[in-house]
Structures are given as C-alpha cells and as structure tokens.
Amino acid sequence: MEDNILVIGIAGGTGSGKTTLMKNLIRHFEDMVTVISHDNYYKRRDEIPYEERCKLNYDEPAAFDTSLMVYHLDQLRHGYAIECPVYDFTVHNRSSETIHIVPKKVIIVEGILIFENEELRNLMDIRIFVDTDADIRLCRRIKRDVNKRGRTLESVLEQYQQTVKPMHEQYVEPSKKYAHIVVPEGGKNLVALDMIVGRIQGHLKQTNSGETNHGV
C-alpha cells in the first residue's frame, strides 16, 4: 500500500450535503484529490426492462456492486489506476462507458451506504458522516431528481416513501456509529470544514517530509 495516500469516506443520507462538503475539499486541494462515488457502482441490470428497473430498490446495500468498489479502492490505495463504471440515472442502468481514475495523495470515497459495508469502511483512514434534518434532505432530493435526473415530483415522493426513508432508517442512520467525525449540515458547516481541511493539510505535510500518520 502507498503510505502517502489518505482515504476519506464521506457518508450520510440522500441530500445531506455530502457533495457540497466534497466540492469544498476539492476546492482546497484541487489536483491532489481523487473522487470515487458509490453511485457509480450500482449493479448492471440489462436483463430487466426499464419499467421494472424503475421499481427496484436502489437504497439497499444489495443494489450496489460494492465488492467491485472495494477492489477498485484497494487498487488505488496501492497506487494503481482503475476504470470506474459509470451509472446513467435516466435509464436506471450502468453505462457502457468508464472513467479512468488515477490515485492521488487524497482519495475521497462518497456515498450513502459506504460505512454499512465493513470491508469497504476498513479501507478508509477518516470516516465523515454528514448529518442533516430529514425535511431538508427531502427538499434537496426533489430539486436534484427533478432538475438533473428528469424525474417527476410524484415519482420522487413515491420512491422516497417506499424505499429511501425506510432504507435510511434501516441502513444509513445506523452506520453513523462508524464515523470518526459527524458533521451537522454538511458542507455549510464551516467550522467542521476547517477542521477536516487542517487534518488533510497535516497529512500532506507529513507525507511530503517522509512521515505517515494514518487515522484520526
């Protein structure tokens, strides 16, 4: 394993502010950061018609090919590039394209269920859980799915009630106990952001001087 690579996991419920926090970290460290998202590891469902794919539960651990993500993250940690799958949310299926991702000094792993899987979370040096009120998260999800994923308001609300909310309560919220840091209000929490930025800067300074200190 490359000792100079720091892996940061950012988990939390849908619409919690994970992406905002991640973008703020990328803004600080720019070309030193590689991002790998759990959303890209939804399983390929070619054998199921689109109408049936729309009805699947995408908020449970079984929806993801997490073993492939574990392998890819381990490869990155050892200094090897990967071909990350691409998921097309408009058709609820994996694309034929891939993204070439190279390892960098900081790897950010992002997703709602990344702490639920023991093998995956054990590959992370720092685990951050973004904790945001359910009403705020729902509003953000509606805006995202309607504006960016071509969904109707009715379909978003139906999915939220049938799978998103119960799966959050069953899997996502309990995984918060595995976090080293819990951040209320996500990327808008500037105090927490400063603390995390400082921790990463400390790591980069140590690796540049030939020292390592994984963990929190």
Protein backbone atom coordinates (compact mmCIF):
# COMPACT_ATOMS: atom_id res chain seq x y z
CA MET A 1 0.00 0.00 0.00
CA GLU A 2 1.15 3.55 -0.75
CA ASP A 3 1.67 5.06 2.71
CA ASN A 4 1.33 8.59 1.37
CA ILE A 5 -2.30 8.07 0.29
CA LEU A 6 -5.07 9.24 2.65
CA VAL A 7 -8.58 7.79 2.09
CA ILE A 8 -11.51 9.88 3.34
CA GLY A 9 -15.03 8.44 3.40
CA ILE A 10 -17.98 10.85 3.27
CA ALA A 11 -21.34 9.23 4.05
CA GLY A 12 -24.80 10.46 5.03
CA GLY A 13 -28.39 10.36 3.86
CA THR A 14 -29.64 11.48 0.48
CA GLY A 15 -29.46 15.27 0.16
CA SER A 16 -27.45 15.63 3.35
CA GLY A 17 -24.75 17.81 1.81
CA LYS A 18 -22.07 15.20 1.05
CA THR A 19 -21.41 16.67 -2.38
CA THR A 20 -21.08 20.21 -1.04
CA LEU A 21 -18.55 19.07 1.55
CA MET A 22 -16.66 17.09 -1.08
CA LYS A 23 -16.56 20.04 -3.52
CA ASN A 24 -15.25 22.30 -0.76
CA LEU A 25 -12.43 19.83 -0.06
CA ILE A 26 -11.64 19.54 -3.76
CA ARG A 27 -11.55 23.35 -3.99
CA HIS A 28 -8.95 23.43 -1.22
CA PHE A 29 -6.70 20.67 -2.55
CA GLU A 30 -7.52 20.62 -6.29
CA ASP A 31 -5.23 18.24 -8.21
CA MET A 32 -4.21 16.33 -5.08
CA VAL A 33 -7.70 14.76 -4.78
CA THR A 34 -9.26 11.72 -6.49
CA VAL A 35 -13.00 11.03 -6.00
CA ILE A 36 -14.73 7.66 -6.20
CA SER A 37 -18.52 7.56 -5.78
CA HIS A 38 -20.61 4.59 -4.64
CA ASP A 39 -23.40 5.74 -7.00
CA ASN A 40 -21.29 4.63 -9.97
CA TYR A 41 -21.28 1.09 -8.61
CA TYR A 42 -24.98 0.34 -8.93
CA LYS A 43 -25.32 -3.11 -10.45
CA ARG A 44 -25.87 -3.53 -14.18
CA ARG A 45 -29.48 -4.58 -14.87
CA ASP A 46 -29.54 -5.33 -18.59
CA GLU A 47 -31.80 -8.33 -18.07
CA ILE A 48 -34.60 -6.22 -16.58
CA PRO A 49 -36.84 -3.93 -18.74
CA TYR A 50 -36.77 -0.18 -18.00
CA GLU A 51 -40.27 -0.25 -16.49
CA GLU A 52 -39.15 -2.89 -14.00
CA ARG A 53 -35.85 -1.15 -13.27
CA CYS A 54 -37.83 1.93 -12.22
CA LYS A 55 -39.44 -0.11 -9.44
CA LEU A 56 -36.26 -1.59 -7.96
CA ASN A 57 -34.99 -0.64 -4.51
CA TYR A 58 -31.89 1.48 -5.11
CA ASP A 59 -31.39 2.37 -1.46
CA GLU A 60 -30.41 -1.03 -0.06
CA PRO A 61 -26.89 -2.50 0.04
CA ALA A 62 -27.81 -5.26 -2.44
CA ALA A 63 -28.34 -2.65 -5.18
CA PHE A 64 -24.60 -1.97 -5.31
CA ASP A 65 -21.64 -3.93 -6.64
CA THR A 66 -19.71 -2.99 -3.51
CA SER A 67 -17.19 -5.81 -3.92
CA LEU A 68 -16.02 -4.18 -7.16
CA MET A 69 -15.70 -0.84 -5.37
CA VAL A 70 -13.66 -2.49 -2.60
CA TYR A 71 -11.33 -3.95 -5.21
CA HIS A 72 -11.00 -0.62 -7.03
CA LEU A 73 -10.34 1.34 -3.84
CA ASP A 74 -7.72 -1.20 -2.80
CA GLN A 75 -6.07 -0.81 -6.20
CA LEU A 76 -5.99 2.97 -5.82
CA ARG A 77 -4.53 2.65 -2.33
CA HIS A 78 -1.74 0.54 -3.79
CA GLY A 79 -1.01 3.16 -6.44
CA TYR A 80 -2.80 1.61 -9.44
CA ALA A 81 -5.25 3.37 -11.76
CA ILE A 82 -8.75 1.95 -12.27
CA GLU A 83 -11.57 2.01 -14.83
CA CYS A 84 -14.54 3.17 -12.76
CA PRO A 85 -18.03 2.25 -14.05
CA VAL A 86 -20.49 4.99 -14.99
CA TYR A 87 -24.15 4.85 -13.99
CA ASP A 88 -26.90 6.50 -16.06
CA PHE A 89 -29.71 7.55 -13.70
CA THR A 90 -32.03 8.50 -16.56
CA VAL A 91 -32.32 4.83 -17.63
CA HIS A 92 -31.57 3.20 -14.25
CA ASN A 93 -28.67 1.20 -15.61
CA ARG A 94 -24.92 1.18 -15.92
CA SER A 95 -23.47 2.92 -18.95
CA SER A 96 -21.06 1.26 -21.38
CA GLU A 97 -18.52 3.98 -20.56
CA THR A 98 -15.92 4.00 -17.79
CA ILE A 99 -13.88 6.74 -16.11
CA HIS A 100 -10.12 6.39 -15.88
CA ILE A 101 -9.22 7.28 -12.29
CA VAL A 102 -5.65 7.62 -11.10
CA PRO A 103 -4.56 7.53 -7.44
CA LYS A 104 -3.60 10.79 -5.78
CA LYS A 105 -2.49 11.79 -2.30
CA VAL A 106 -6.10 12.17 -1.11
CA ILE A 107 -8.87 9.78 -2.19
CA ILE A 108 -12.44 10.76 -1.30
CA VAL A 109 -14.99 7.93 -1.20
CA GLU A 110 -18.60 9.18 -1.26
CA GLY A 111 -21.99 7.51 -0.87
CA ILE A 112 -24.98 6.94 1.41
CA LEU A 113 -24.03 3.35 2.33
CA ILE A 114 -20.22 3.32 2.27
CA PHE A 115 -19.97 2.80 6.06
CA GLU A 116 -22.52 -0.04 6.04
CA ASN A 117 -20.03 -2.42 4.44
CA GLU A 118 -17.25 -3.43 6.85
CA GLU A 119 -14.71 -4.35 4.19
CA LEU A 120 -15.19 -1.02 2.43
CA ARG A 121 -15.11 1.20 5.51
CA ASN A 122 -11.96 -0.53 6.78
CA LEU A 123 -10.12 0.85 3.74
CA MET A 124 -10.82 4.43 4.90
CA ASP A 125 -8.46 6.40 7.14
CA ILE A 126 -11.02 9.09 8.04
CA ARG A 127 -14.77 8.49 8.05
CA ILE A 128 -17.08 11.52 7.99
CA PHE A 129 -20.87 11.29 8.37
CA VAL A 130 -22.89 14.29 7.17
CA ASP A 131 -25.96 14.63 9.40
CA THR A 132 -28.84 16.79 8.13
CA ASP A 133 -32.54 17.13 9.04
CA ALA A 134 -34.82 14.80 7.06
CA ASP A 135 -37.05 17.62 5.74
CA ILE A 136 -34.06 19.47 4.31
CA ARG A 137 -32.73 16.29 2.73
CA LEU A 138 -36.07 15.55 1.07
CA CYS A 139 -36.29 19.06 -0.41
CA ARG A 140 -32.78 18.76 -1.81
CA ARG A 141 -33.52 15.33 -3.28
CA ILE A 142 -36.66 16.61 -5.02
CA LYS A 143 -34.73 19.50 -6.61
CA ARG A 144 -31.91 17.22 -7.73
CA ASP A 145 -34.01 14.39 -9.16
CA VAL A 146 -36.49 16.66 -10.95
CA ASN A 147 -33.93 19.12 -12.36
CA LYS A 148 -30.96 16.84 -13.06
CA ARG A 149 -32.36 13.34 -13.48
CA GLY A 150 -35.58 14.03 -15.37
CA ARG A 151 -37.86 12.62 -12.68
CA THR A 152 -41.42 13.72 -11.88
CA LEU A 153 -42.28 15.09 -8.44
CA GLU A 154 -44.74 12.23 -7.93
CA SER A 155 -42.14 9.55 -8.71
CA VAL A 156 -39.57 11.15 -6.39
CA LEU A 157 -42.00 11.29 -3.48
CA GLU A 158 -43.21 7.75 -4.09
CA GLN A 159 -39.66 6.40 -4.12
CA TYR A 160 -38.79 8.38 -1.00
CA GLN A 161 -41.74 6.94 0.93
CA GLN A 162 -41.36 3.36 -0.31
CA THR A 163 -37.59 2.84 -0.19
CA VAL A 164 -35.45 5.91 0.57
CA LYS A 165 -36.85 6.71 4.02
CA PRO A 166 -37.14 3.13 5.33
CA MET A 167 -33.69 2.19 3.96
CA HIS A 168 -32.20 5.31 5.54
CA GLU A 169 -33.61 4.26 8.90
CA GLN A 170 -32.51 0.64 8.46
CA TYR A 171 -29.03 1.07 7.00
CA VAL A 172 -27.77 4.65 6.66
CA GLU A 173 -28.56 6.11 10.07
CA PRO A 174 -27.16 3.09 11.99
CA SER A 175 -23.89 3.34 10.01
CA LYS A 176 -23.27 6.75 11.59
CA LYS A 177 -21.72 4.96 14.56
CA TYR A 178 -18.74 4.01 12.40
CA ALA A 179 -17.86 7.66 11.66
CA HIS A 180 -14.86 9.34 13.21
CA ILE A 181 -16.46 12.75 12.61
CA VAL A 182 -20.16 13.69 12.44
CA VAL A 183 -20.79 16.95 10.56
CA PRO A 184 -24.19 18.66 11.07
CA GLU A 185 -25.45 20.46 7.94
CA GLY A 186 -22.73 19.14 5.66
CA GLY A 187 -20.67 21.48 3.52
CA LYS A 188 -22.28 24.56 5.06
CA ASN A 189 -20.63 23.76 8.41
CA LEU A 190 -17.53 25.89 8.03
CA VAL A 191 -16.09 25.01 11.45
CA ALA A 192 -16.12 21.30 10.66
CA LEU A 193 -14.76 22.01 7.17
CA ASP A 194 -11.81 23.92 8.63
CA MET A 195 -11.06 21.01 10.99
CA ILE A 196 -11.11 18.49 8.14
CA VAL A 197 -9.01 20.72 5.89
CA GLY A 198 -6.48 21.09 8.70
CA ARG A 199 -6.31 17.31 9.17
CA ILE A 200 -5.65 16.79 5.44
CA GLN A 201 -3.04 19.55 5.37
CA GLY A 202 -1.29 17.89 8.30
CA HIS A 203 -1.25 14.58 6.43
CA LEU A 204 0.13 16.16 3.26
CA LYS A 205 2.82 17.96 5.24
CA GLN A 206 3.84 14.70 6.92
CA THR A 207 3.97 12.73 3.67
CA ASN A 208 5.97 15.46 1.99
CA SER A 209 8.51 15.19 4.80
CA GLY A 210 8.59 11.42 4.53
CA GLU A 211 6.35 10.68 7.53
CA THR A 212 2.97 8.97 7.72
CA ASN A 213 0.16 9.01 10.25
CA HIS A 214 -2.99 7.32 9.03
CA GLY A 215 -6.20 7.52 11.03
CA VAL A 216 -7.75 10.29 13.10
